[in-house]
């Protein structure tokens, strides 16, 4: 078994975050279903999906690696989950909901060690405050295409940063991976890190 890390995600943002810390890893997107279950807290939801993503890739017989990272990110406004928009109208509705309000970005992660069977999970929360947005700003932003594959219909690491009046907590958590918490857990699990 190779002493290798696999990121079980197709997210280019998560890939960029891990590259930022010079972690050696390979990307193998998970095919796990992303279902919302009734009576599940948002924290339970992101952790369960993170576990499912990491496990789905770890159970593939053609993958030779030791550690697997799964992650899921959601946006919560008034404890309602705002996922990825289904179309431009849906994106506009979400951005109007977030306009002038605080919301919470929740990222879960799971790290599986296939050699020892150890599994670590956590859900990390960040508060984000949007300034008031005009309909024209929302329309122009949607026209860029940036919101269409993002939870909550915005990218804090892209043009969407112009809407963010304040943030309390981990910035990288909003992008898609809470790097501070994740790297501490990776170290505790014996993953060789450059820092």
N, C-alpha and C. Protein backbone atom coordinates (compact mmCIF):
# COMPACT_ATOMS: atom_id res chain seq x y z
N UNK A 1 0.84 -1.19 0.00
CA UNK A 1 0.00 0.00 0.00
C UNK A 1 0.88 1.26 0.00
N UNK A 2 0.62 2.14 -0.95
CA UNK A 2 1.38 3.39 -1.05
C UNK A 2 1.02 4.32 0.11
N UNK A 3 2.04 4.99 0.64
CA UNK A 3 1.81 6.00 1.68
C UNK A 3 1.36 7.28 0.98
N UNK A 4 0.17 7.27 0.47
CA UNK A 4 -0.30 8.34 -0.38
C UNK A 4 -1.63 8.87 0.11
N UNK A 5 -1.87 10.17 -0.17
CA UNK A 5 -3.13 10.83 0.20
C UNK A 5 -3.98 10.99 -1.05
N UNK A 6 -5.27 10.67 -0.92
CA UNK A 6 -6.23 10.84 -2.00
C UNK A 6 -7.27 11.87 -1.57
N UNK A 7 -7.51 12.86 -2.40
CA UNK A 7 -8.61 13.79 -2.20
C UNK A 7 -9.80 13.26 -2.99
N UNK A 8 -10.84 12.83 -2.28
CA UNK A 8 -12.02 12.22 -2.92
C UNK A 8 -13.02 13.30 -3.29
N UNK A 9 -12.59 14.24 -4.14
CA UNK A 9 -13.42 15.38 -4.49
C UNK A 9 -13.06 15.89 -5.88
N UNK A 10 -14.07 16.32 -6.61
CA UNK A 10 -13.85 16.91 -7.94
C UNK A 10 -13.69 18.43 -7.84
N UNK A 11 -13.76 18.98 -6.63
CA UNK A 11 -13.72 20.44 -6.45
C UNK A 11 -12.33 21.00 -6.77
N UNK A 12 -12.24 21.87 -7.78
CA UNK A 12 -10.95 22.51 -8.06
C UNK A 12 -10.48 23.39 -6.91
N UNK A 13 -11.42 23.92 -6.13
CA UNK A 13 -11.05 24.78 -5.00
C UNK A 13 -10.37 23.98 -3.90
N UNK A 14 -10.89 22.79 -3.60
CA UNK A 14 -10.25 21.95 -2.58
C UNK A 14 -8.86 21.52 -3.05
N UNK A 15 -8.74 21.20 -4.32
CA UNK A 15 -7.44 20.83 -4.89
C UNK A 15 -6.45 21.97 -4.73
N UNK A 16 -6.88 23.19 -5.06
CA UNK A 16 -6.00 24.37 -4.94
C UNK A 16 -5.59 24.60 -3.49
N UNK A 17 -6.51 24.39 -2.55
CA UNK A 17 -6.17 24.60 -1.13
C UNK A 17 -5.10 23.62 -0.67
N UNK A 18 -5.22 22.34 -1.06
CA UNK A 18 -4.20 21.35 -0.66
C UNK A 18 -2.87 21.61 -1.36
N UNK A 19 -2.93 22.10 -2.59
CA UNK A 19 -1.69 22.46 -3.30
C UNK A 19 -0.99 23.63 -2.61
N UNK A 20 -1.78 24.51 -2.03
CA UNK A 20 -1.26 25.70 -1.35
C UNK A 20 -0.34 25.32 -0.18
N UNK A 21 -0.60 24.17 0.46
CA UNK A 21 0.23 23.75 1.59
C UNK A 21 1.27 22.70 1.18
N UNK A 22 1.43 22.50 -0.14
CA UNK A 22 2.44 21.57 -0.68
C UNK A 22 2.25 20.12 -0.23
N UNK A 23 1.00 19.75 0.02
CA UNK A 23 0.72 18.35 0.35
C UNK A 23 0.80 17.52 -0.92
N UNK A 24 1.44 16.37 -0.84
CA UNK A 24 1.47 15.46 -1.98
C UNK A 24 0.21 14.61 -1.94
N UNK A 25 -0.59 14.71 -3.01
CA UNK A 25 -1.87 13.98 -3.04
C UNK A 25 -2.29 13.77 -4.49
N UNK A 26 -3.28 12.91 -4.64
CA UNK A 26 -3.88 12.67 -5.95
C UNK A 26 -5.38 12.90 -5.83
N UNK A 27 -6.00 13.39 -6.89
CA UNK A 27 -7.44 13.62 -6.89
C UNK A 27 -8.14 12.45 -7.56
N UNK A 28 -9.08 11.84 -6.83
CA UNK A 28 -9.96 10.82 -7.40
C UNK A 28 -11.38 11.19 -6.95
N UNK A 29 -12.17 11.81 -7.83
CA UNK A 29 -13.51 12.24 -7.44
C UNK A 29 -14.39 11.09 -6.98
N UNK A 30 -15.15 11.34 -5.93
CA UNK A 30 -16.07 10.34 -5.40
C UNK A 30 -17.35 10.32 -6.23
N UNK A 31 -17.97 9.15 -6.29
CA UNK A 31 -19.26 9.00 -6.97
C UNK A 31 -20.39 8.82 -5.95
N UNK A 32 -20.10 9.10 -4.68
CA UNK A 32 -21.11 8.94 -3.62
C UNK A 32 -22.28 9.90 -3.84
N UNK A 33 -23.49 9.41 -3.55
CA UNK A 33 -24.68 10.26 -3.69
C UNK A 33 -24.71 11.31 -2.59
N UNK A 34 -25.21 12.50 -2.94
CA UNK A 34 -25.28 13.59 -1.97
C UNK A 34 -26.73 13.85 -1.59
N UNK A 35 -27.30 12.92 -0.83
CA UNK A 35 -28.70 13.01 -0.43
C UNK A 35 -28.85 13.76 0.89
N UNK A 36 -29.93 14.51 1.01
CA UNK A 36 -30.29 15.17 2.28
C UNK A 36 -31.25 14.24 3.00
N UNK A 37 -30.91 13.88 4.24
CA UNK A 37 -31.76 12.98 5.03
C UNK A 37 -32.59 13.80 6.02
N UNK A 38 -33.86 13.39 6.24
CA UNK A 38 -34.69 14.10 7.22
C UNK A 38 -34.14 13.90 8.64
N UNK A 39 -34.42 14.87 9.50
CA UNK A 39 -34.04 14.80 10.93
C UNK A 39 -32.53 14.74 11.14
N UNK A 40 -31.77 15.26 10.22
CA UNK A 40 -30.31 15.28 10.33
C UNK A 40 -29.89 16.74 10.54
N UNK A 41 -29.02 16.98 11.52
CA UNK A 41 -28.53 18.35 11.71
C UNK A 41 -27.60 18.70 10.55
N UNK A 42 -27.38 20.00 10.29
CA UNK A 42 -26.43 20.38 9.23
C UNK A 42 -25.05 19.79 9.47
N UNK A 43 -24.61 19.75 10.73
CA UNK A 43 -23.30 19.18 11.05
C UNK A 43 -23.25 17.70 10.72
N UNK A 44 -24.30 16.96 11.10
CA UNK A 44 -24.38 15.53 10.78
C UNK A 44 -24.38 15.32 9.26
N UNK A 45 -25.07 16.21 8.56
CA UNK A 45 -25.18 16.11 7.10
C UNK A 45 -23.80 16.21 6.42
N UNK A 46 -23.03 17.27 6.76
CA UNK A 46 -21.73 17.46 6.08
C UNK A 46 -20.73 16.38 6.48
N UNK A 47 -20.79 15.91 7.72
CA UNK A 47 -19.87 14.84 8.15
C UNK A 47 -20.23 13.52 7.46
N UNK A 48 -21.54 13.21 7.40
CA UNK A 48 -21.95 11.96 6.74
C UNK A 48 -21.53 11.95 5.27
N UNK A 49 -21.78 13.05 4.57
CA UNK A 49 -21.40 13.11 3.16
C UNK A 49 -19.88 13.02 2.99
N UNK A 50 -19.13 13.64 3.89
CA UNK A 50 -17.67 13.57 3.83
C UNK A 50 -17.18 12.13 4.00
N UNK A 51 -17.77 11.42 4.98
CA UNK A 51 -17.42 10.01 5.20
C UNK A 51 -17.77 9.19 3.96
N UNK A 52 -18.98 9.39 3.43
CA UNK A 52 -19.43 8.63 2.25
C UNK A 52 -18.50 8.84 1.06
N UNK A 53 -18.07 10.07 0.85
CA UNK A 53 -17.18 10.37 -0.29
C UNK A 53 -15.82 9.68 -0.12
N UNK A 54 -15.24 9.81 1.07
CA UNK A 54 -13.93 9.20 1.32
C UNK A 54 -14.02 7.68 1.24
N UNK A 55 -15.08 7.11 1.83
CA UNK A 55 -15.25 5.66 1.86
C UNK A 55 -15.46 5.08 0.47
N UNK A 56 -16.26 5.78 -0.35
CA UNK A 56 -16.54 5.28 -1.70
C UNK A 56 -15.25 5.10 -2.50
N UNK A 57 -14.35 6.05 -2.39
CA UNK A 57 -13.07 5.96 -3.13
C UNK A 57 -12.14 4.94 -2.46
N UNK A 58 -12.11 4.92 -1.12
CA UNK A 58 -11.23 3.99 -0.40
C UNK A 58 -11.60 2.53 -0.66
N UNK A 59 -12.87 2.27 -0.95
CA UNK A 59 -13.31 0.89 -1.18
C UNK A 59 -13.07 0.40 -2.61
N UNK A 60 -12.55 1.25 -3.46
CA UNK A 60 -12.26 0.82 -4.84
C UNK A 60 -11.01 -0.05 -4.84
N UNK A 61 -11.10 -1.19 -5.47
CA UNK A 61 -9.99 -2.15 -5.48
C UNK A 61 -8.80 -1.68 -6.31
N UNK A 62 -9.04 -0.77 -7.26
CA UNK A 62 -7.95 -0.32 -8.13
C UNK A 62 -7.20 0.89 -7.59
N UNK A 63 -7.55 1.34 -6.38
CA UNK A 63 -6.90 2.51 -5.79
C UNK A 63 -5.92 2.05 -4.71
N UNK A 64 -4.64 2.37 -4.92
CA UNK A 64 -3.60 1.95 -3.98
C UNK A 64 -3.09 3.16 -3.22
N UNK A 65 -3.69 3.43 -2.07
CA UNK A 65 -3.29 4.57 -1.24
C UNK A 65 -3.68 4.28 0.21
N UNK A 66 -3.12 5.09 1.10
CA UNK A 66 -3.40 4.88 2.53
C UNK A 66 -4.47 5.82 3.08
N UNK A 67 -4.34 7.14 2.83
CA UNK A 67 -5.24 8.11 3.44
C UNK A 67 -6.20 8.68 2.41
N UNK A 68 -7.45 8.89 2.84
CA UNK A 68 -8.49 9.40 1.95
C UNK A 68 -9.21 10.56 2.64
N UNK A 69 -9.31 11.68 1.92
CA UNK A 69 -9.98 12.87 2.45
C UNK A 69 -11.28 13.09 1.68
N UNK A 70 -12.38 13.14 2.42
CA UNK A 70 -13.67 13.50 1.85
C UNK A 70 -14.14 14.79 2.49
N UNK A 71 -14.90 15.60 1.76
CA UNK A 71 -15.36 16.86 2.32
C UNK A 71 -16.67 17.29 1.68
N UNK A 72 -17.44 18.07 2.43
CA UNK A 72 -18.68 18.63 1.91
C UNK A 72 -18.90 19.99 2.54
N UNK A 73 -19.39 20.95 1.75
CA UNK A 73 -19.61 22.31 2.24
C UNK A 73 -21.04 22.73 1.92
N UNK A 74 -21.69 23.34 2.92
CA UNK A 74 -23.03 23.89 2.71
C UNK A 74 -23.08 25.31 3.26
N UNK A 75 -24.05 26.06 2.76
CA UNK A 75 -24.33 27.41 3.26
C UNK A 75 -25.68 27.35 3.98
N UNK A 76 -25.73 27.95 5.17
CA UNK A 76 -26.95 27.95 5.98
C UNK A 76 -27.39 29.38 6.25
N UNK A 77 -28.63 29.67 5.92
CA UNK A 77 -29.21 30.97 6.26
C UNK A 77 -30.50 30.69 7.00
N UNK A 78 -30.59 31.16 8.23
CA UNK A 78 -31.73 30.84 9.12
C UNK A 78 -31.88 29.32 9.23
N UNK A 79 -30.76 28.61 9.29
CA UNK A 79 -30.68 27.15 9.42
C UNK A 79 -31.31 26.40 8.24
N UNK A 80 -31.53 27.11 7.14
CA UNK A 80 -31.99 26.46 5.91
C UNK A 80 -30.75 26.23 5.03
N UNK A 81 -30.62 24.99 4.52
CA UNK A 81 -29.46 24.66 3.69
C UNK A 81 -29.63 25.26 2.30
N UNK A 82 -28.64 26.03 1.89
CA UNK A 82 -28.59 26.55 0.53
C UNK A 82 -27.51 25.78 -0.22
N UNK A 83 -27.92 24.90 -1.09
CA UNK A 83 -26.96 24.10 -1.85
C UNK A 83 -26.53 24.81 -3.11
N UNK A 84 -26.19 24.04 -4.13
CA UNK A 84 -25.82 24.62 -5.42
C UNK A 84 -27.10 24.99 -6.17
N UNK A 85 -27.10 26.11 -6.88
CA UNK A 85 -28.32 26.52 -7.58
C UNK A 85 -28.66 25.59 -8.74
N UNK A 86 -29.95 25.41 -8.98
CA UNK A 86 -30.40 24.55 -10.08
C UNK A 86 -30.43 25.31 -11.40
N UNK A 87 -30.62 26.63 -11.32
CA UNK A 87 -30.63 27.47 -12.52
C UNK A 87 -30.38 28.92 -12.09
N UNK A 88 -30.39 29.84 -13.04
CA UNK A 88 -30.07 31.24 -12.75
C UNK A 88 -31.10 31.89 -11.82
N UNK A 89 -32.37 31.54 -11.99
CA UNK A 89 -33.41 32.09 -11.13
C UNK A 89 -33.21 31.65 -9.67
N UNK A 90 -32.85 30.38 -9.50
CA UNK A 90 -32.58 29.84 -8.17
C UNK A 90 -31.37 30.54 -7.54
N UNK A 91 -30.34 30.79 -8.35
CA UNK A 91 -29.15 31.51 -7.86
C UNK A 91 -29.52 32.91 -7.40
N UNK A 92 -30.37 33.59 -8.17
CA UNK A 92 -30.80 34.95 -7.80
C UNK A 92 -31.59 34.94 -6.50
N UNK A 93 -32.45 33.94 -6.32
CA UNK A 93 -33.23 33.81 -5.07
C UNK A 93 -32.29 33.65 -3.87
N UNK A 94 -31.28 32.79 -4.03
CA UNK A 94 -30.34 32.57 -2.92
C UNK A 94 -29.57 33.84 -2.59
N UNK A 95 -29.08 34.54 -3.61
CA UNK A 95 -28.31 35.76 -3.37
C UNK A 95 -29.17 36.84 -2.73
N UNK A 96 -30.46 36.92 -3.11
CA UNK A 96 -31.37 37.87 -2.45
C UNK A 96 -31.57 37.48 -0.98
N UNK A 97 -31.63 36.17 -0.70
CA UNK A 97 -31.77 35.68 0.68
C UNK A 97 -30.55 36.08 1.52
N UNK A 98 -29.35 36.00 0.93
CA UNK A 98 -28.12 36.30 1.66
C UNK A 98 -27.86 37.81 1.79
N UNK A 99 -28.44 38.61 0.89
CA UNK A 99 -28.20 40.05 0.85
C UNK A 99 -28.50 40.72 2.19
N UNK A 100 -27.49 41.44 2.71
CA UNK A 100 -27.65 42.20 3.95
C UNK A 100 -27.75 41.37 5.21
N UNK A 101 -27.47 40.07 5.10
CA UNK A 101 -27.62 39.18 6.25
C UNK A 101 -26.33 38.42 6.57
N UNK A 102 -26.35 37.86 7.77
CA UNK A 102 -25.29 36.92 8.16
C UNK A 102 -25.73 35.51 7.82
N UNK A 103 -24.78 34.70 7.42
CA UNK A 103 -25.08 33.28 7.21
C UNK A 103 -23.89 32.46 7.69
N UNK A 104 -24.09 31.17 7.69
CA UNK A 104 -23.07 30.27 8.21
C UNK A 104 -22.62 29.33 7.09
N UNK A 105 -21.32 29.17 6.95
CA UNK A 105 -20.78 28.19 6.01
C UNK A 105 -20.22 27.04 6.83
N UNK A 106 -20.68 25.85 6.51
CA UNK A 106 -20.30 24.66 7.27
C UNK A 106 -19.59 23.69 6.34
N UNK A 107 -18.35 23.36 6.68
CA UNK A 107 -17.62 22.34 5.92
C UNK A 107 -17.34 21.17 6.83
N UNK A 108 -17.66 20.00 6.34
CA UNK A 108 -17.29 18.78 7.04
C UNK A 108 -16.12 18.15 6.33
N UNK A 109 -15.30 17.42 7.08
CA UNK A 109 -14.27 16.62 6.43
C UNK A 109 -14.15 15.28 7.15
N UNK A 110 -13.70 14.30 6.39
CA UNK A 110 -13.44 12.97 6.94
C UNK A 110 -12.10 12.52 6.39
N UNK A 111 -11.28 11.96 7.26
CA UNK A 111 -10.00 11.39 6.84
C UNK A 111 -10.02 9.92 7.24
N UNK A 112 -9.82 9.04 6.27
CA UNK A 112 -9.79 7.60 6.52
C UNK A 112 -8.37 7.10 6.32
N UNK A 113 -7.91 6.27 7.24
CA UNK A 113 -6.61 5.61 7.12
C UNK A 113 -6.90 4.15 6.82
N UNK A 114 -6.67 3.76 5.56
CA UNK A 114 -7.01 2.40 5.15
C UNK A 114 -6.09 1.36 5.81
N UNK A 115 -4.91 1.78 6.22
CA UNK A 115 -3.98 0.83 6.85
C UNK A 115 -4.39 0.48 8.27
N UNK A 116 -4.80 1.49 9.04
CA UNK A 116 -5.15 1.25 10.45
C UNK A 116 -6.66 1.15 10.69
N UNK A 117 -7.45 1.61 9.73
CA UNK A 117 -8.90 1.64 9.90
C UNK A 117 -9.39 2.86 10.67
N UNK A 118 -8.46 3.75 11.06
CA UNK A 118 -8.85 4.95 11.80
C UNK A 118 -9.63 5.90 10.90
N UNK A 119 -10.61 6.56 11.52
CA UNK A 119 -11.41 7.55 10.81
C UNK A 119 -11.58 8.77 11.69
N UNK A 120 -11.29 9.95 11.16
CA UNK A 120 -11.48 11.19 11.91
C UNK A 120 -12.41 12.10 11.12
N UNK A 121 -13.33 12.75 11.82
CA UNK A 121 -14.27 13.65 11.17
C UNK A 121 -14.44 14.91 12.00
N UNK A 122 -14.88 15.96 11.34
CA UNK A 122 -15.18 17.21 12.04
C UNK A 122 -16.04 18.08 11.12
N UNK A 123 -16.87 18.92 11.73
CA UNK A 123 -17.61 19.95 11.01
C UNK A 123 -17.14 21.30 11.55
N UNK A 124 -16.75 22.19 10.65
CA UNK A 124 -16.22 23.50 11.04
C UNK A 124 -17.15 24.58 10.48
N UNK A 125 -17.47 25.57 11.33
CA UNK A 125 -18.42 26.61 10.97
C UNK A 125 -17.75 27.98 10.88
N UNK A 126 -18.14 28.77 9.89
CA UNK A 126 -17.65 30.14 9.71
C UNK A 126 -18.85 31.05 9.47
N UNK A 127 -18.87 32.19 10.16
CA UNK A 127 -19.93 33.18 9.97
C UNK A 127 -19.50 34.15 8.87
N UNK A 128 -20.39 34.40 7.93
CA UNK A 128 -20.12 35.34 6.83
C UNK A 128 -21.25 36.36 6.79
N UNK A 129 -20.89 37.64 6.62
CA UNK A 129 -21.89 38.71 6.55
C UNK A 129 -21.83 39.36 5.17
N UNK A 130 -22.96 39.41 4.48
CA UNK A 130 -23.06 40.05 3.17
C UNK A 130 -23.54 41.49 3.33
N UNK A 131 -23.05 42.37 2.48
CA UNK A 131 -23.62 43.71 2.39
C UNK A 131 -24.93 43.61 1.60
N UNK A 132 -25.67 44.69 1.54
CA UNK A 132 -26.90 44.72 0.75
C UNK A 132 -26.55 44.68 -0.73
N UNK A 133 -27.24 43.83 -1.48
CA UNK A 133 -27.00 43.69 -2.91
C UNK A 133 -28.18 44.24 -3.70
N UNK A 134 -27.88 44.88 -4.82
CA UNK A 134 -28.95 45.34 -5.69
C UNK A 134 -29.29 44.23 -6.68
N UNK A 135 -30.49 44.31 -7.26
CA UNK A 135 -30.89 43.32 -8.27
C UNK A 135 -29.93 43.35 -9.47
N UNK A 136 -29.46 44.56 -9.79
CA UNK A 136 -28.54 44.70 -10.93
C UNK A 136 -27.21 43.99 -10.63
N UNK A 137 -26.71 44.14 -9.41
CA UNK A 137 -25.46 43.45 -9.03
C UNK A 137 -25.63 41.94 -9.08
N UNK A 138 -26.75 41.47 -8.58
CA UNK A 138 -27.03 40.03 -8.59
C UNK A 138 -27.08 39.52 -10.03
N UNK A 139 -27.78 40.24 -10.91
CA UNK A 139 -27.90 39.83 -12.31
C UNK A 139 -26.54 39.81 -13.00
N UNK A 140 -25.73 40.84 -12.75
CA UNK A 140 -24.39 40.90 -13.38
C UNK A 140 -23.51 39.76 -12.88
N UNK A 141 -23.61 39.46 -11.59
CA UNK A 141 -22.81 38.37 -11.02
C UNK A 141 -23.21 37.03 -11.61
N UNK A 142 -24.50 36.79 -11.71
CA UNK A 142 -24.99 35.53 -12.28
C UNK A 142 -24.54 35.40 -13.74
N UNK A 143 -24.52 36.52 -14.46
CA UNK A 143 -24.11 36.52 -15.87
C UNK A 143 -22.65 36.06 -16.05
N UNK A 144 -21.84 36.16 -14.99
CA UNK A 144 -20.45 35.69 -15.09
C UNK A 144 -20.37 34.16 -15.07
N UNK A 145 -21.43 33.50 -14.60
CA UNK A 145 -21.44 32.05 -14.50
C UNK A 145 -20.82 31.51 -13.22
N UNK A 146 -20.16 32.37 -12.45
CA UNK A 146 -19.45 31.92 -11.25
C UNK A 146 -20.35 31.25 -10.20
N UNK A 147 -21.58 31.73 -9.97
CA UNK A 147 -22.38 31.15 -8.90
C UNK A 147 -22.92 29.75 -9.17
N UNK A 148 -22.87 29.29 -10.42
CA UNK A 148 -23.68 28.14 -10.81
C UNK A 148 -23.28 26.79 -10.21
N UNK A 149 -22.05 26.63 -9.76
CA UNK A 149 -21.68 25.34 -9.14
C UNK A 149 -21.20 25.53 -7.71
N UNK A 150 -21.69 26.61 -7.06
CA UNK A 150 -21.24 26.93 -5.71
C UNK A 150 -22.39 26.86 -4.72
N UNK A 151 -22.12 26.27 -3.56
CA UNK A 151 -23.11 26.28 -2.47
C UNK A 151 -23.40 27.73 -2.10
N UNK A 152 -24.69 28.07 -2.00
CA UNK A 152 -25.07 29.44 -1.68
C UNK A 152 -24.98 30.40 -2.84
N UNK A 153 -24.55 29.92 -4.00
CA UNK A 153 -24.47 30.71 -5.23
C UNK A 153 -23.40 31.80 -5.22
N UNK A 154 -22.33 31.60 -4.45
CA UNK A 154 -21.24 32.57 -4.52
C UNK A 154 -19.91 31.91 -4.22
N UNK A 155 -18.85 32.55 -4.71
CA UNK A 155 -17.49 32.08 -4.45
C UNK A 155 -16.71 33.18 -3.74
N UNK A 156 -16.34 32.94 -2.48
CA UNK A 156 -15.61 33.96 -1.73
C UNK A 156 -14.21 34.17 -2.30
N UNK A 157 -13.67 33.13 -2.98
CA UNK A 157 -12.34 33.24 -3.56
C UNK A 157 -12.38 33.83 -4.98
N UNK A 158 -13.59 34.20 -5.42
CA UNK A 158 -13.75 34.78 -6.76
C UNK A 158 -14.39 36.15 -6.66
N UNK A 159 -15.22 36.47 -7.65
CA UNK A 159 -15.88 37.78 -7.69
C UNK A 159 -16.83 37.98 -6.51
N UNK A 160 -17.34 36.88 -5.98
CA UNK A 160 -18.28 36.95 -4.86
C UNK A 160 -17.71 37.62 -3.62
N UNK A 161 -16.40 37.72 -3.53
CA UNK A 161 -15.76 38.37 -2.38
C UNK A 161 -16.22 39.82 -2.25
N UNK A 162 -16.64 40.44 -3.36
CA UNK A 162 -17.09 41.83 -3.33
C UNK A 162 -18.36 42.01 -2.50
N UNK A 163 -19.08 40.92 -2.23
CA UNK A 163 -20.32 41.00 -1.46
C UNK A 163 -20.09 40.77 0.03
N UNK A 164 -18.90 40.30 0.40
CA UNK A 164 -18.62 39.89 1.78
C UNK A 164 -18.16 41.08 2.61
N UNK A 165 -19.02 41.50 3.56
CA UNK A 165 -18.70 42.64 4.43
C UNK A 165 -17.86 42.22 5.62
N UNK A 166 -17.96 40.94 6.01
CA UNK A 166 -17.20 40.48 7.16
C UNK A 166 -17.23 38.97 7.27
N UNK A 167 -16.24 38.46 8.00
CA UNK A 167 -16.13 37.01 8.17
C UNK A 167 -15.60 36.74 9.58
N UNK A 168 -16.15 35.73 10.23
CA UNK A 168 -15.67 35.33 11.55
C UNK A 168 -15.41 33.83 11.51
N UNK A 169 -14.14 33.46 11.57
CA UNK A 169 -13.77 32.06 11.49
C UNK A 169 -12.80 31.82 10.35
N UNK A 170 -12.75 30.59 9.89
CA UNK A 170 -11.78 30.17 8.87
C UNK A 170 -12.22 30.58 7.47
N UNK A 171 -11.36 31.35 6.78
CA UNK A 171 -11.61 31.73 5.39
C UNK A 171 -11.59 30.50 4.48
N UNK A 172 -10.59 29.62 4.68
CA UNK A 172 -10.49 28.45 3.78
C UNK A 172 -11.68 27.51 3.96
N UNK A 173 -12.32 27.57 5.12
CA UNK A 173 -13.53 26.78 5.35
C UNK A 173 -14.64 27.20 4.38
N UNK A 174 -14.72 28.50 4.12
CA UNK A 174 -15.73 29.03 3.21
C UNK A 174 -15.40 28.61 1.77
N UNK A 175 -14.12 28.53 1.46
CA UNK A 175 -13.69 28.09 0.13
C UNK A 175 -13.99 26.61 -0.07
N UNK A 176 -13.89 25.80 1.02
CA UNK A 176 -14.24 24.39 0.88
C UNK A 176 -13.51 23.40 1.76
N UNK A 177 -12.45 23.85 2.46
CA UNK A 177 -11.72 22.97 3.38
C UNK A 177 -11.14 23.80 4.53
N UNK A 178 -11.44 23.44 5.77
CA UNK A 178 -10.87 24.18 6.90
C UNK A 178 -9.41 23.75 7.11
N UNK A 179 -8.49 24.40 6.40
CA UNK A 179 -7.10 23.92 6.35
C UNK A 179 -6.42 23.85 7.71
N UNK A 180 -6.68 24.80 8.59
CA UNK A 180 -6.03 24.78 9.90
C UNK A 180 -6.40 23.50 10.66
N UNK A 181 -7.69 23.21 10.75
CA UNK A 181 -8.16 22.01 11.46
C UNK A 181 -7.73 20.74 10.71
N UNK A 182 -7.86 20.76 9.39
CA UNK A 182 -7.53 19.58 8.59
C UNK A 182 -6.07 19.19 8.73
N UNK A 183 -5.16 20.18 8.65
CA UNK A 183 -3.73 19.85 8.72
C UNK A 183 -3.35 19.33 10.10
N UNK A 184 -3.98 19.85 11.15
CA UNK A 184 -3.71 19.33 12.50
C UNK A 184 -4.12 17.87 12.60
N UNK A 185 -5.28 17.53 12.04
CA UNK A 185 -5.77 16.16 12.08
C UNK A 185 -4.90 15.24 11.24
N UNK A 186 -4.50 15.70 10.05
CA UNK A 186 -3.61 14.91 9.20
C UNK A 186 -2.31 14.58 9.94
N UNK A 187 -1.74 15.57 10.62
CA UNK A 187 -0.50 15.35 11.38
C UNK A 187 -0.71 14.31 12.48
N UNK A 188 -1.85 14.44 13.20
CA UNK A 188 -2.14 13.48 14.28
C UNK A 188 -2.28 12.06 13.75
N UNK A 189 -2.69 11.94 12.47
CA UNK A 189 -2.90 10.61 11.88
C UNK A 189 -1.63 10.09 11.19
N UNK A 190 -0.55 10.86 11.27
CA UNK A 190 0.73 10.39 10.73
C UNK A 190 0.99 10.73 9.28
N UNK A 191 0.16 11.60 8.70
CA UNK A 191 0.39 12.00 7.30
C UNK A 191 1.58 12.95 7.25
N UNK A 192 2.58 12.67 6.40
CA UNK A 192 3.73 13.57 6.32
C UNK A 192 3.35 14.89 5.64
N UNK A 193 3.53 15.98 6.38
CA UNK A 193 3.21 17.31 5.85
C UNK A 193 4.49 18.14 5.76
N UNK A 194 4.55 19.04 4.76
CA UNK A 194 5.76 19.85 4.60
C UNK A 194 5.89 20.95 5.65
N UNK A 195 4.82 21.26 6.37
CA UNK A 195 4.90 22.33 7.40
C UNK A 195 4.48 21.77 8.75
